Amino acid sequence: MPTLAILIRVAFEVLNWLIIARILISWFPHDPYHPVMRFIYEVTEPVLAPFRRLMPRTSIPIDFSPIIAVLVLQLVERLLISFILRLG
């Protein structure tokens, strides 16, 4: 597998784990100003915000945007890697 495809794979994997970490963090009280928390929020918010805007407002207090974001990220990752592998 070409190096670029590996780098893309790793980047998407890290982003997926950061989104999962953000989901788990949201279940517990935490300090949003802690440097690790700020990093997780600053990296994942640009990805999650567009999906949050697309989701309809409901009375259920569950945010489904991380689930949708992870699924879309996996699709984009597969498309990018297959495109790169076809080029090389």
PDB file of N, CA and C in Angstrom:
ATOM      1  N   MET A   1       0.864  -1.173   0.000  1.00  0.00           N
ATOM      2  CA  MET A   1       0.000   0.000   0.000  1.00  0.00           C
ATOM      3  C   MET A   1       0.911   1.236   0.000  1.00  0.00           C
ATOM      4  N   PRO A   2       0.645   2.172  -0.893  1.00  0.00           N
ATOM      5  CA  PRO A   2       1.498   3.373  -0.940  1.00  0.00           C
ATOM      6  C   PRO A   2       1.463   4.156   0.372  1.00  0.00           C
ATOM      7  N   THR A   3       2.530   4.903   0.594  1.00  0.00           N
ATOM      8  CA  THR A   3       2.689   5.653   1.831  1.00  0.00           C
ATOM      9  C   THR A   3       1.557   6.650   2.049  1.00  0.00           C
ATOM     10  N   LEU A   4       1.104   7.308   0.986  1.00  0.00           N
ATOM     11  CA  LEU A   4       0.017   8.285   1.112  1.00  0.00           C
ATOM     12  C   LEU A   4      -1.267   7.616   1.596  1.00  0.00           C
ATOM     13  N   ALA A   5      -1.546   6.445   1.094  1.00  0.00           N
ATOM     14  CA  ALA A   5      -2.744   5.713   1.528  1.00  0.00           C
ATOM     15  C   ALA A   5      -2.637   5.339   3.000  1.00  0.00           C
ATOM     16  N   ILE A   6      -1.455   4.978   3.448  1.00  0.00           N
ATOM     17  CA  ILE A   6      -1.255   4.636   4.861  1.00  0.00           C
ATOM     18  C   ILE A   6      -1.447   5.870   5.734  1.00  0.00           C
ATOM     19  N   LEU A   7      -0.900   7.005   5.299  1.00  0.00           N
ATOM     20  CA  LEU A   7      -1.068   8.245   6.057  1.00  0.00           C
ATOM     21  C   LEU A   7      -2.541   8.649   6.158  1.00  0.00           C
ATOM     22  N   ILE A   8      -3.265   8.509   5.067  1.00  0.00           N
ATOM     23  CA  ILE A   8      -4.697   8.828   5.076  1.00  0.00           C
ATOM     24  C   ILE A   8      -5.426   7.887   6.025  1.00  0.00           C
ATOM     25  N   ARG A   9      -5.091   6.627   5.978  1.00  0.00           N
ATOM     26  CA  ARG A   9      -5.722   5.631   6.853  1.00  0.00           C
ATOM     27  C   ARG A   9      -5.488   5.980   8.323  1.00  0.00           C
ATOM     28  N   VAL A  10      -4.261   6.322   8.661  1.00  0.00           N
ATOM     29  CA  VAL A  10      -3.922   6.657  10.044  1.00  0.00           C
ATOM     30  C   VAL A  10      -4.644   7.931  10.482  1.00  0.00           C
ATOM     31  N   ALA A  11      -4.682   8.940   9.621  1.00  0.00           N
ATOM     32  CA  ALA A  11      -5.345  10.204   9.959  1.00  0.00           C
ATOM     33  C   ALA A  11      -6.833   9.989  10.233  1.00  0.00           C
ATOM     34  N   PHE A  12      -7.489   9.215   9.384  1.00  0.00           N
ATOM     35  CA  PHE A  12      -8.908   8.952   9.595  1.00  0.00           C
ATOM     36  C   PHE A  12      -9.135   8.100  10.837  1.00  0.00           C
ATOM     37  N   GLU A  13      -8.236   7.166  11.094  1.00  0.00           N
ATOM     38  CA  GLU A  13      -8.361   6.321  12.290  1.00  0.00           C
ATOM     39  C   GLU A  13      -8.240   7.169  13.554  1.00  0.00           C
ATOM     40  N   VAL A  14      -7.275   8.081  13.575  1.00  0.00           N
ATOM     41  CA  VAL A  14      -7.100   8.964  14.728  1.00  0.00           C
ATOM     42  C   VAL A  14      -8.342   9.828  14.921  1.00  0.00           C
ATOM     43  N   LEU A  15      -8.861  10.381  13.833  1.00  0.00           N
ATOM     44  CA  LEU A  15     -10.057  11.213  13.928  1.00  0.00           C
ATOM     45  C   LEU A  15     -11.256  10.415  14.437  1.00  0.00           C
ATOM     46  N   ASN A  16     -11.415   9.202  13.967  1.00  0.00           N
ATOM     47  CA  ASN A  16     -12.507   8.352  14.462  1.00  0.00           C
ATOM     48  C   ASN A  16     -12.364   8.093  15.964  1.00  0.00           C
ATOM     49  N   TRP A  17     -11.147   7.817  16.440  1.00  0.00           N
ATOM     50  CA  TRP A  17     -10.935   7.564  17.866  1.00  0.00           C
ATOM     51  C   TRP A  17     -11.165   8.816  18.692  1.00  0.00           C
ATOM     52  N   LEU A  18     -10.817   9.974  18.139  1.00  0.00           N
ATOM     53  CA  LEU A  18     -11.073  11.225  18.859  1.00  0.00           C
ATOM     54  C   LEU A  18     -12.578  11.483  18.985  1.00  0.00           C
ATOM     55  N   ILE A  19     -13.334  11.151  17.951  1.00  0.00           N
ATOM     56  CA  ILE A  19     -14.791  11.305  18.025  1.00  0.00           C
ATOM     57  C   ILE A  19     -15.364  10.348  19.062  1.00  0.00           C
ATOM     58  N   ILE A  20     -14.872   9.125  19.082  1.00  0.00           N
ATOM     59  CA  ILE A  20     -15.332   8.158  20.085  1.00  0.00           C
ATOM     60  C   ILE A  20     -14.965   8.643  21.489  1.00  0.00           C
ATOM     61  N   ALA A  21     -13.766   9.179  21.649  1.00  0.00           N
ATOM     62  CA  ALA A  21     -13.361   9.725  22.950  1.00  0.00           C
ATOM     63  C   ALA A  21     -14.283  10.862  23.364  1.00  0.00           C
ATOM     64  N   ARG A  22     -14.651  11.712  22.410  1.00  0.00           N
ATOM     65  CA  ARG A  22     -15.555  12.815  22.727  1.00  0.00           C
ATOM     66  C   ARG A  22     -16.922  12.307  23.169  1.00  0.00           C
ATOM     67  N   ILE A  23     -17.400  11.267  22.541  1.00  0.00           N
ATOM     68  CA  ILE A  23     -18.679  10.668  22.941  1.00  0.00           C
ATOM     69  C   ILE A  23     -18.579  10.164  24.386  1.00  0.00           C
ATOM     70  N   LEU A  24     -17.525   9.415  24.678  1.00  0.00           N
ATOM     71  CA  LEU A  24     -17.368   8.858  26.024  1.00  0.00           C
ATOM     72  C   LEU A  24     -17.181   9.953  27.068  1.00  0.00           C
ATOM     73  N   ILE A  25     -16.435  10.984  26.731  1.00  0.00           N
ATOM     74  CA  ILE A  25     -16.216  12.098  27.657  1.00  0.00           C
ATOM     75  C   ILE A  25     -17.524  12.795  27.988  1.00  0.00           C
ATOM     76  N   SER A  26     -18.418  12.878  27.017  1.00  0.00           N
ATOM     77  CA  SER A  26     -19.677  13.598  27.241  1.00  0.00           C
ATOM     78  C   SER A  26     -20.563  12.907  28.278  1.00  0.00           C
ATOM     79  N   TRP A  27     -20.300  11.662  28.586  1.00  0.00           N
ATOM     80  CA  TRP A  27     -21.110  10.932  29.558  1.00  0.00           C
ATOM     81  C   TRP A  27     -20.726  11.247  31.001  1.00  0.00           C
ATOM     82  N   PHE A  28     -19.571  11.878  31.207  1.00  0.00           N
ATOM     83  CA  PHE A  28     -19.058  12.123  32.543  1.00  0.00           C
ATOM     84  C   PHE A  28     -18.758  13.603  32.737  1.00  0.00           C
ATOM     85  N   PRO A  29     -18.812  14.067  33.969  1.00  0.00           N
ATOM     86  CA  PRO A  29     -18.411  15.457  34.226  1.00  0.00           C
ATOM     87  C   PRO A  29     -16.920  15.618  33.914  1.00  0.00           C
ATOM     88  N   HIS A  30     -16.581  16.703  33.261  1.00  0.00           N
ATOM     89  CA  HIS A  30     -15.190  16.954  32.924  1.00  0.00           C
ATOM     90  C   HIS A  30     -14.938  18.455  32.827  1.00  0.00           C
ATOM     91  N   ASP A  31     -13.695  18.805  32.868  1.00  0.00           N
ATOM     92  CA  ASP A  31     -13.282  20.199  32.758  1.00  0.00           C
ATOM     93  C   ASP A  31     -13.056  20.519  31.279  1.00  0.00           C
ATOM     94  N   PRO A  32     -13.938  21.311  30.645  1.00  0.00           N
ATOM     95  CA  PRO A  32     -13.778  21.598  29.213  1.00  0.00           C
ATOM     96  C   PRO A  32     -12.551  22.459  28.909  1.00  0.00           C
ATOM     97  N   TYR A  33     -11.929  23.031  29.940  1.00  0.00           N
ATOM     98  CA  TYR A  33     -10.761  23.875  29.738  1.00  0.00           C
ATOM     99  C   TYR A  33      -9.439  23.118  29.903  1.00  0.00           C
ATOM    100  N   HIS A  34      -9.534  21.848  30.265  1.00  0.00           N
ATOM    101  CA  HIS A  34      -8.331  21.024  30.362  1.00  0.00           C
ATOM    102  C   HIS A  34      -7.720  20.915  28.959  1.00  0.00           C
ATOM    103  N   PRO A  35      -6.397  21.005  28.835  1.00  0.00           N
ATOM    104  CA  PRO A  35      -5.770  20.995  27.500  1.00  0.00           C
ATOM    105  C   PRO A  35      -6.131  19.783  26.635  1.00  0.00           C
ATOM    106  N   VAL A  36      -6.247  18.608  27.242  1.00  0.00           N
ATOM    107  CA  VAL A  36      -6.610  17.420  26.465  1.00  0.00           C
ATOM    108  C   VAL A  36      -8.050  17.535  25.962  1.00  0.00           C
ATOM    109  N   MET A  37      -8.948  18.002  26.823  1.00  0.00           N
ATOM    110  CA  MET A  37     -10.346  18.171  26.416  1.00  0.00           C
ATOM    111  C   MET A  37     -10.467  19.223  25.314  1.00  0.00           C
ATOM    112  N   ARG A  38      -9.749  20.309  25.478  1.00  0.00           N
ATOM    113  CA  ARG A  38      -9.777  21.375  24.459  1.00  0.00           C
ATOM    114  C   ARG A  38      -9.279  20.842  23.123  1.00  0.00           C
ATOM    115  N   PHE A  39      -8.210  20.043  23.155  1.00  0.00           N
ATOM    116  CA  PHE A  39      -7.679  19.459  21.923  1.00  0.00           C
ATOM    117  C   PHE A  39      -8.722  18.578  21.244  1.00  0.00           C
ATOM    118  N   ILE A  40      -9.358  17.708  22.020  1.00  0.00           N
ATOM    119  CA  ILE A  40     -10.369  16.804  21.449  1.00  0.00           C
ATOM    120  C   ILE A  40     -11.515  17.606  20.843  1.00  0.00           C
ATOM    121  N   TYR A  41     -11.997  18.608  21.559  1.00  0.00           N
ATOM    122  CA  TYR A  41     -13.099  19.420  21.052  1.00  0.00           C
ATOM    123  C   TYR A  41     -12.686  20.225  19.821  1.00  0.00           C
ATOM    124  N   GLU A  42     -11.488  20.803  19.828  1.00  0.00           N
ATOM    125  CA  GLU A  42     -11.037  21.622  18.706  1.00  0.00           C
ATOM    126  C   GLU A  42     -10.808  20.794  17.447  1.00  0.00           C
ATOM    127  N   VAL A  43     -10.412  19.549  17.590  1.00  0.00           N
ATOM    128  CA  VAL A  43     -10.182  18.694  16.425  1.00  0.00           C
ATOM    129  C   VAL A  43     -11.493  18.130  15.893  1.00  0.00           C
ATOM    130  N   THR A  44     -12.403  17.762  16.777  1.00  0.00           N
ATOM    131  CA  THR A  44     -13.627  17.091  16.330  1.00  0.00           C
ATOM    132  C   THR A  44     -14.768  18.043  15.983  1.00  0.00           C
ATOM    133  N   GLU A  45     -14.793  19.227  16.568  1.00  0.00           N
ATOM    134  CA  GLU A  45     -15.921  20.137  16.322  1.00  0.00           C
ATOM    135  C   GLU A  45     -16.071  20.533  14.851  1.00  0.00           C
ATOM    136  N   PRO A  46     -14.996  20.829  14.118  1.00  0.00           N
ATOM    137  CA  PRO A  46     -15.179  21.145  12.693  1.00  0.00           C
ATOM    138  C   PRO A  46     -15.784  19.991  11.885  1.00  0.00           C
ATOM    139  N   VAL A  47     -15.583  18.774  12.340  1.00  0.00           N
ATOM    140  CA  VAL A  47     -16.168  17.620  11.658  1.00  0.00           C
ATOM    141  C   VAL A  47     -17.622  17.431  12.073  1.00  0.00           C
ATOM    142  N   LEU A  48     -17.901  17.585  13.359  1.00  0.00           N
ATOM    143  CA  LEU A  48     -19.242  17.309  13.878  1.00  0.00           C
ATOM    144  C   LEU A  48     -20.246  18.440  13.611  1.00  0.00           C
ATOM    145  N   ALA A  49     -19.794  19.673  13.594  1.00  0.00           N
ATOM    146  CA  ALA A  49     -20.707  20.820  13.460  1.00  0.00           C
ATOM    147  C   ALA A  49     -21.588  20.754  12.206  1.00  0.00           C
ATOM    148  N   PRO A  50     -21.042  20.447  11.028  1.00  0.00           N
ATOM    149  CA  PRO A  50     -21.930  20.375   9.854  1.00  0.00           C
ATOM    150  C   PRO A  50     -23.012  19.302   9.985  1.00  0.00           C
ATOM    151  N   PHE A  51     -22.676  18.175  10.576  1.00  0.00           N
ATOM    152  CA  PHE A  51     -23.665  17.111  10.752  1.00  0.00           C
ATOM    153  C   PHE A  51     -24.711  17.505  11.790  1.00  0.00           C
ATOM    154  N   ARG A  52     -24.280  18.233  12.803  1.00  0.00           N
ATOM    155  CA  ARG A  52     -25.211  18.697  13.829  1.00  0.00           C
ATOM    156  C   ARG A  52     -26.217  19.682  13.228  1.00  0.00           C
ATOM    157  N   ARG A  53     -25.752  20.525  12.307  1.00  0.00           N
ATOM    158  CA  ARG A  53     -26.662  21.481  11.658  1.00  0.00           C
ATOM    159  C   ARG A  53     -27.657  20.775  10.741  1.00  0.00           C
ATOM    160  N   LEU A  54     -27.263  19.658  10.152  1.00  0.00           N
ATOM    161  CA  LEU A  54     -28.144  18.922   9.250  1.00  0.00           C
ATOM    162  C   LEU A  54     -29.199  18.100   9.987  1.00  0.00           C
ATOM    163  N   MET A  55     -28.895  17.715  11.206  1.00  0.00           N
ATOM    164  CA  MET A  55     -29.816  16.873  11.975  1.00  0.00           C
ATOM    165  C   MET A  55     -31.014  17.692  12.437  1.00  0.00           C
ATOM    166  N   PRO A  56     -32.209  17.136  12.304  1.00  0.00           N
ATOM    167  CA  PRO A  56     -33.388  17.871  12.788  1.00  0.00           C
ATOM    168  C   PRO A  56     -33.410  17.925  14.313  1.00  0.00           C
ATOM    169  N   ARG A  57     -33.942  19.002  14.827  1.00  0.00           N
ATOM    170  CA  ARG A  57     -34.083  19.157  16.282  1.00  0.00           C
ATOM    171  C   ARG A  57     -35.232  18.276  16.763  1.00  0.00           C
ATOM    172  N   THR A  58     -34.958  17.494  17.793  1.00  0.00           N
ATOM    173  CA  THR A  58     -35.986  16.637  18.372  1.00  0.00           C
ATOM    174  C   THR A  58     -36.013  16.842  19.874  1.00  0.00           C
ATOM    175  N   SER A  59     -37.002  16.277  20.493  1.00  0.00           N
ATOM    176  CA  SER A  59     -37.100  16.378  21.952  1.00  0.00           C
ATOM    177  C   SER A  59     -36.189  15.363  22.652  1.00  0.00           C
ATOM    178  N   ILE A  60     -35.615  14.437  21.885  1.00  0.00           N
ATOM    179  CA  ILE A  60     -34.706  13.438  22.457  1.00  0.00           C
ATOM    180  C   ILE A  60     -33.332  14.087  22.649  1.00  0.00           C
ATOM    181  N   PRO A  61     -32.785  14.048  23.848  1.00  0.00           N
ATOM    182  CA  PRO A  61     -31.504  14.723  24.105  1.00  0.00           C
ATOM    183  C   PRO A  61     -30.277  13.890  23.716  1.00  0.00           C
ATOM    184  N   ILE A  62     -30.355  13.205  22.577  1.00  0.00           N
ATOM    185  CA  ILE A  62     -29.240  12.388  22.108  1.00  0.00           C
ATOM    186  C   ILE A  62     -28.702  12.995  20.820  1.00  0.00           C
ATOM    187  N   ASP A  63     -27.403  13.191  20.772  1.00  0.00           N
ATOM    188  CA  ASP A  63     -26.750  13.757  19.600  1.00  0.00           C
ATOM    189  C   ASP A  63     -26.268  12.612  18.707  1.00  0.00           C
ATOM    190  N   PHE A  64     -26.922  12.450  17.562  1.00  0.00           N
ATOM    191  CA  PHE A  64     -26.554  11.392  16.639  1.00  0.00           C
ATOM    192  C   PHE A  64     -25.485  11.822  15.633  1.00  0.00           C
ATOM    193  N   SER A  65     -25.074  13.086  15.682  1.00  0.00           N
ATOM    194  CA  SER A  65     -24.106  13.572  14.705  1.00  0.00           C
ATOM    195  C   SER A  65     -22.772  12.819  14.742  1.00  0.00           C
ATOM    196  N   PRO A  66     -22.263  12.379  15.893  1.00  0.00           N
ATOM    197  CA  PRO A  66     -21.003  11.615  15.852  1.00  0.00           C
ATOM    198  C   PRO A  66     -21.132  10.292  15.098  1.00  0.00           C
ATOM    199  N   ILE A  67     -22.275   9.644  15.222  1.00  0.00           N
ATOM    200  CA  ILE A  67     -22.478   8.380  14.516  1.00  0.00           C
ATOM    201  C   ILE A  67     -22.486   8.615  13.012  1.00  0.00           C
ATOM    202  N   ILE A  68     -23.228   9.630  12.582  1.00  0.00           N
ATOM    203  CA  ILE A  68     -23.292   9.968  11.156  1.00  0.00           C
ATOM    204  C   ILE A  68     -21.907  10.391  10.666  1.00  0.00           C
ATOM    205  N   ALA A  69     -21.197  11.182  11.460  1.00  0.00           N
ATOM    206  CA  ALA A  69     -19.870  11.651  11.063  1.00  0.00           C
ATOM    207  C   ALA A  69     -18.901  10.485  10.888  1.00  0.00           C
ATOM    208  N   VAL A  70     -18.908   9.535  11.798  1.00  0.00           N
ATOM    209  CA  VAL A  70     -18.008   8.381  11.690  1.00  0.00           C
ATOM    210  C   VAL A  70     -18.336   7.579  10.436  1.00  0.00           C
ATOM    211  N   LEU A  71     -19.605   7.373  10.154  1.00  0.00           N
ATOM    212  CA  LEU A  71     -19.981   6.628   8.946  1.00  0.00           C
ATOM    213  C   LEU A  71     -19.546   7.352   7.680  1.00  0.00           C
ATOM    214  N   VAL A  72     -19.748   8.654   7.629  1.00  0.00           N
ATOM    215  CA  VAL A  72     -19.343   9.427   6.454  1.00  0.00           C
ATOM    216  C   VAL A  72     -17.815   9.463   6.338  1.00  0.00           C
ATOM    217  N   LEU A  73     -17.125   9.610   7.455  1.00  0.00           N
ATOM    218  CA  LEU A  73     -15.660   9.590   7.419  1.00  0.00           C
ATOM    219  C   LEU A  73     -15.126   8.251   6.900  1.00  0.00           C
ATOM    220  N   GLN A  74     -15.744   7.161   7.284  1.00  0.00           N
ATOM    221  CA  GLN A  74     -15.316   5.856   6.793  1.00  0.00           C
ATOM    222  C   GLN A  74     -15.543   5.739   5.287  1.00  0.00           C
ATOM    223  N   LEU A  75     -16.653   6.275   4.810  1.00  0.00           N
ATOM    224  CA  LEU A  75     -16.923   6.255   3.374  1.00  0.00           C
ATOM    225  C   LEU A  75     -15.897   7.096   2.619  1.00  0.00           C
ATOM    226  N   VAL A  76     -15.631   8.305   3.103  1.00  0.00           N
ATOM    227  CA  VAL A  76     -14.655   9.185   2.456  1.00  0.00           C
ATOM    228  C   VAL A  76     -13.269   8.547   2.471  1.00  0.00           C
ATOM    229  N   GLU A  77     -12.918   7.947   3.586  1.00  0.00           N
ATOM    230  CA  GLU A  77     -11.616   7.274   3.679  1.00  0.00           C
ATOM    231  C   GLU A  77     -11.489   6.178   2.631  1.00  0.00           C
ATOM    232  N   ARG A  78     -12.489   5.346   2.511  1.00  0.00           N
ATOM    233  CA  ARG A  78     -12.442   4.249   1.532  1.00  0.00           C
ATOM    234  C   ARG A  78     -12.364   4.782   0.106  1.00  0.00           C
ATOM    235  N   LEU A  79     -13.118   5.840  -0.175  1.00  0.00           N
ATOM    236  CA  LEU A  79     -13.075   6.426  -1.518  1.00  0.00           C
ATOM    237  C   LEU A  79     -11.700   7.007  -1.818  1.00  0.00           C
ATOM    238  N   LEU A  80     -11.129   7.733  -0.874  1.00  0.00           N
ATOM    239  CA  LEU A  80      -9.799   8.313  -1.076  1.00  0.00           C
ATOM    240  C   LEU A  80      -8.732   7.240  -1.265  1.00  0.00           C
ATOM    241  N   ILE A  81      -8.752   6.228  -0.440  1.00  0.00           N
ATOM    242  CA  ILE A  81      -7.733   5.177  -0.541  1.00  0.00           C
ATOM    243  C   ILE A  81      -7.885   4.401  -1.845  1.00  0.00           C
ATOM    244  N   SER A  82      -9.105   4.094  -2.236  1.00  0.00           N
ATOM    245  CA  SER A  82      -9.271   3.370  -3.509  1.00  0.00           C
ATOM    246  C   SER A  82      -8.839   4.246  -4.682  1.00  0.00           C
ATOM    247  N   PHE A  83      -9.091   5.542  -4.614  1.00  0.00           N
ATOM    248  CA  PHE A  83      -8.651   6.453  -5.664  1.00  0.00           C
ATOM    249  C   PHE A  83      -7.118   6.490  -5.736  1.00  0.00           C
ATOM    250  N   ILE A  84      -6.473   6.588  -4.586  1.00  0.00           N
ATOM    251  CA  ILE A  84      -5.011   6.633  -4.540  1.00  0.00           C
ATOM    252  C   ILE A  84      -4.409   5.321  -5.048  1.00  0.00           C
ATOM    253  N   LEU A  85      -4.991   4.203  -4.663  1.00  0.00           N
ATOM    254  CA  LEU A  85      -4.473   2.906  -5.100  1.00  0.00           C
ATOM    255  C   LEU A  85      -4.646   2.724  -6.607  1.00  0.00           C
ATOM    256  N   ARG A  86      -5.687   3.270  -7.177  1.00  0.00           N
ATOM    257  CA  ARG A  86      -5.880   3.188  -8.634  1.00  0.00           C
ATOM    258  C   ARG A  86      -4.869   4.044  -9.368  1.00  0.00           C
ATOM    259  N   LEU A  87      -4.486   5.169  -8.781  1.00  0.00           N
ATOM    260  CA  LEU A  87      -3.485   6.037  -9.411  1.00  0.00           C
ATOM    261  C   LEU A  87      -2.098   5.408  -9.393  1.00  0.00           C
ATOM    262  N   GLY A  88      -1.791   4.739  -8.297  1.00  0.00           N
ATOM    263  CA  GLY A  88      -0.434   4.188  -8.135  1.00  0.00           C
ATOM    264  C   GLY A  88      -0.407   2.775  -8.485  1.00  0.00           C
TER     265      GLY A  88
END
